[in-house]
Amino acid sequence: MSDDGFSMPAKGTLERVMIDKMIELDPVGVTFMDFVGTGITEDNIDQIAQNLRYAMYVAEGDECLKVDA
């Protein structure tokens, strides 16, 4: 996580693939057809978008997090 509190999905995750494609195609937007061969399909694109919305993904720097006990 960066100093500003923003996290980025880890490279190689479906969430990161989606973010990279959204940046590439900005401001056009994306559909599941933009992700042929990536593992993102019509069946899971909504779940991946929801994971991004709620920050429920493996992020870069997760290994630096400490567990509250």
N, C-alpha and C. Protein backbone atom coordinates (compact mmCIF):
# COMPACT_ATOMS: atom_id res chain seq x y z
N MET A 1 0.85 -1.17 0.00
CA MET A 1 0.00 0.00 0.00
C MET A 1 0.90 1.23 0.00
N SER A 2 0.54 2.20 -0.78
CA SER A 2 1.32 3.43 -0.84
C SER A 2 1.04 4.30 0.38
N ASP A 3 1.84 5.34 0.54
CA ASP A 3 1.68 6.24 1.68
C ASP A 3 0.33 6.95 1.69
N ASP A 4 -0.30 7.09 0.51
CA ASP A 4 -1.58 7.78 0.45
C ASP A 4 -2.77 6.86 0.73
N GLY A 5 -2.50 5.59 1.08
CA GLY A 5 -3.56 4.66 1.42
C GLY A 5 -4.16 3.94 0.23
N PHE A 6 -3.65 4.19 -0.96
CA PHE A 6 -4.17 3.55 -2.17
C PHE A 6 -3.45 2.23 -2.40
N SER A 7 -4.20 1.17 -2.65
CA SER A 7 -3.58 -0.12 -2.96
C SER A 7 -3.85 -0.46 -4.41
N MET A 8 -2.95 -1.23 -4.99
CA MET A 8 -3.07 -1.67 -6.38
C MET A 8 -3.09 -3.19 -6.37
N PRO A 9 -4.01 -3.80 -7.13
CA PRO A 9 -4.01 -5.25 -7.20
C PRO A 9 -2.65 -5.77 -7.66
N ALA A 10 -2.26 -6.92 -7.14
CA ALA A 10 -0.97 -7.50 -7.49
C ALA A 10 -0.94 -7.89 -8.96
N LYS A 11 0.24 -7.79 -9.57
CA LYS A 11 0.41 -8.19 -10.97
C LYS A 11 0.05 -9.65 -11.12
N GLY A 12 -0.62 -9.96 -12.22
CA GLY A 12 -1.01 -11.34 -12.50
C GLY A 12 -2.40 -11.71 -12.02
N THR A 13 -3.02 -10.86 -11.20
CA THR A 13 -4.38 -11.15 -10.74
C THR A 13 -5.39 -10.65 -11.76
N LEU A 14 -6.57 -11.23 -11.74
CA LEU A 14 -7.61 -10.80 -12.67
C LEU A 14 -8.00 -9.35 -12.43
N GLU A 15 -7.97 -8.94 -11.16
CA GLU A 15 -8.29 -7.55 -10.84
C GLU A 15 -7.27 -6.60 -11.47
N ARG A 16 -6.00 -6.96 -11.47
CA ARG A 16 -4.97 -6.12 -12.08
C ARG A 16 -5.12 -6.09 -13.60
N VAL A 17 -5.45 -7.24 -14.19
CA VAL A 17 -5.69 -7.29 -15.64
C VAL A 17 -6.80 -6.32 -16.00
N MET A 18 -7.87 -6.30 -15.19
CA MET A 18 -8.99 -5.41 -15.47
C MET A 18 -8.58 -3.94 -15.32
N ILE A 19 -7.86 -3.61 -14.27
CA ILE A 19 -7.41 -2.23 -14.06
C ILE A 19 -6.54 -1.77 -15.23
N ASP A 20 -5.57 -2.60 -15.62
CA ASP A 20 -4.68 -2.24 -16.72
C ASP A 20 -5.45 -1.99 -18.01
N LYS A 21 -6.44 -2.83 -18.30
CA LYS A 21 -7.24 -2.67 -19.52
C LYS A 21 -8.12 -1.42 -19.42
N MET A 22 -8.65 -1.13 -18.23
CA MET A 22 -9.47 0.07 -18.06
C MET A 22 -8.64 1.32 -18.29
N ILE A 23 -7.40 1.31 -17.83
CA ILE A 23 -6.51 2.45 -18.04
C ILE A 23 -6.18 2.58 -19.52
N GLU A 24 -5.91 1.45 -20.17
CA GLU A 24 -5.56 1.45 -21.59
C GLU A 24 -6.70 1.99 -22.45
N LEU A 25 -7.94 1.63 -22.13
CA LEU A 25 -9.08 2.00 -22.96
C LEU A 25 -9.83 3.24 -22.48
N ASP A 26 -9.34 3.91 -21.46
CA ASP A 26 -9.99 5.10 -20.93
C ASP A 26 -10.16 6.12 -22.04
N PRO A 27 -11.25 6.77 -22.22
CA PRO A 27 -12.50 6.76 -21.45
C PRO A 27 -13.57 5.85 -22.05
N VAL A 28 -13.20 4.98 -22.97
CA VAL A 28 -14.18 4.15 -23.67
C VAL A 28 -14.91 3.18 -22.76
N GLY A 29 -14.20 2.56 -21.81
CA GLY A 29 -14.78 1.53 -20.95
C GLY A 29 -14.49 0.15 -21.50
N VAL A 30 -14.83 -0.88 -20.75
CA VAL A 30 -14.51 -2.25 -21.12
C VAL A 30 -15.74 -3.14 -21.03
N THR A 31 -15.70 -4.25 -21.78
CA THR A 31 -16.67 -5.33 -21.67
C THR A 31 -15.89 -6.63 -21.58
N PHE A 32 -16.57 -7.73 -21.30
CA PHE A 32 -15.86 -9.00 -21.20
C PHE A 32 -15.17 -9.37 -22.51
N MET A 33 -15.62 -8.82 -23.64
CA MET A 33 -15.00 -9.10 -24.94
C MET A 33 -13.58 -8.52 -25.02
N ASP A 34 -13.27 -7.53 -24.20
CA ASP A 34 -11.92 -6.95 -24.18
C ASP A 34 -10.92 -7.85 -23.47
N PHE A 35 -11.40 -8.93 -22.84
CA PHE A 35 -10.54 -9.76 -22.00
C PHE A 35 -10.40 -11.19 -22.50
N VAL A 36 -10.63 -11.42 -23.78
CA VAL A 36 -10.52 -12.77 -24.35
C VAL A 36 -9.13 -13.34 -24.05
N GLY A 37 -9.12 -14.54 -23.47
CA GLY A 37 -7.87 -15.22 -23.18
C GLY A 37 -7.20 -14.82 -21.88
N THR A 38 -7.84 -13.97 -21.07
CA THR A 38 -7.22 -13.50 -19.83
C THR A 38 -7.76 -14.20 -18.59
N GLY A 39 -8.86 -14.91 -18.72
CA GLY A 39 -9.51 -15.51 -17.56
C GLY A 39 -10.71 -14.71 -17.09
N ILE A 40 -10.86 -13.50 -17.61
CA ILE A 40 -12.04 -12.69 -17.30
C ILE A 40 -13.09 -13.03 -18.35
N THR A 41 -14.26 -13.46 -17.88
CA THR A 41 -15.32 -13.91 -18.77
C THR A 41 -16.62 -13.17 -18.46
N GLU A 42 -17.62 -13.43 -19.29
CA GLU A 42 -18.94 -12.86 -19.05
C GLU A 42 -19.48 -13.30 -17.69
N ASP A 43 -19.11 -14.50 -17.28
CA ASP A 43 -19.61 -15.05 -16.01
C ASP A 43 -18.96 -14.44 -14.78
N ASN A 44 -17.71 -13.96 -14.89
CA ASN A 44 -17.04 -13.47 -13.68
C ASN A 44 -16.67 -11.98 -13.70
N ILE A 45 -16.97 -11.28 -14.77
CA ILE A 45 -16.56 -9.87 -14.87
C ILE A 45 -17.23 -9.01 -13.79
N ASP A 46 -18.49 -9.30 -13.47
CA ASP A 46 -19.17 -8.52 -12.43
C ASP A 46 -18.54 -8.75 -11.06
N GLN A 47 -18.15 -10.00 -10.77
CA GLN A 47 -17.51 -10.31 -9.48
C GLN A 47 -16.16 -9.62 -9.37
N ILE A 48 -15.41 -9.59 -10.46
CA ILE A 48 -14.10 -8.92 -10.44
C ILE A 48 -14.27 -7.43 -10.22
N ALA A 49 -15.25 -6.83 -10.89
CA ALA A 49 -15.53 -5.40 -10.69
C ALA A 49 -15.94 -5.13 -9.24
N GLN A 50 -16.73 -6.02 -8.66
CA GLN A 50 -17.14 -5.86 -7.26
C GLN A 50 -15.93 -6.01 -6.33
N ASN A 51 -15.03 -6.94 -6.64
CA ASN A 51 -13.80 -7.09 -5.85
C ASN A 51 -13.01 -5.78 -5.85
N LEU A 52 -12.92 -5.15 -7.00
CA LEU A 52 -12.21 -3.87 -7.10
C LEU A 52 -12.93 -2.78 -6.31
N ARG A 53 -14.23 -2.74 -6.43
CA ARG A 53 -15.03 -1.72 -5.75
C ARG A 53 -14.83 -1.76 -4.24
N TYR A 54 -14.75 -2.98 -3.69
CA TYR A 54 -14.65 -3.14 -2.24
C TYR A 54 -13.24 -3.49 -1.78
N ALA A 55 -12.25 -3.37 -2.67
CA ALA A 55 -10.84 -3.64 -2.36
C ALA A 55 -10.64 -5.04 -1.78
N MET A 56 -11.33 -6.01 -2.36
CA MET A 56 -11.22 -7.40 -1.92
C MET A 56 -10.34 -8.16 -2.92
N TYR A 57 -9.05 -7.88 -2.89
CA TYR A 57 -8.11 -8.51 -3.81
C TYR A 57 -6.75 -8.59 -3.16
N VAL A 58 -5.89 -9.43 -3.72
CA VAL A 58 -4.50 -9.49 -3.28
C VAL A 58 -3.83 -8.24 -3.83
N ALA A 59 -3.23 -7.46 -2.95
CA ALA A 59 -2.63 -6.19 -3.35
C ALA A 59 -1.11 -6.26 -3.31
N GLU A 60 -0.49 -5.39 -4.09
CA GLU A 60 0.96 -5.24 -4.00
C GLU A 60 1.27 -4.77 -2.59
N GLY A 61 2.25 -5.37 -1.97
CA GLY A 61 2.64 -4.97 -0.63
C GLY A 61 1.88 -5.67 0.48
N ASP A 62 0.99 -6.59 0.15
CA ASP A 62 0.24 -7.31 1.19
C ASP A 62 1.16 -8.01 2.17
N GLU A 63 2.33 -8.44 1.69
CA GLU A 63 3.25 -9.16 2.57
C GLU A 63 3.80 -8.26 3.67
N CYS A 64 3.63 -6.96 3.54
CA CYS A 64 4.11 -6.01 4.55
C CYS A 64 3.07 -5.72 5.63
N LEU A 65 1.85 -6.21 5.44
CA LEU A 65 0.79 -5.95 6.42
C LEU A 65 1.06 -6.72 7.70
N LYS A 66 0.66 -6.13 8.79
CA LYS A 66 0.79 -6.78 10.09
C LYS A 66 -0.59 -7.19 10.57
N VAL A 67 -0.66 -8.29 11.26
CA VAL A 67 -1.92 -8.80 11.77
C VAL A 67 -2.21 -8.16 13.12
N ASP A 68 -3.43 -7.62 13.25
CA ASP A 68 -3.86 -7.10 14.56
C ASP A 68 -4.18 -8.29 15.46
N ALA A 69 -3.68 -8.22 16.67
CA ALA A 69 -3.96 -9.32 17.59
C ALA A 69 -4.42 -8.78 18.92
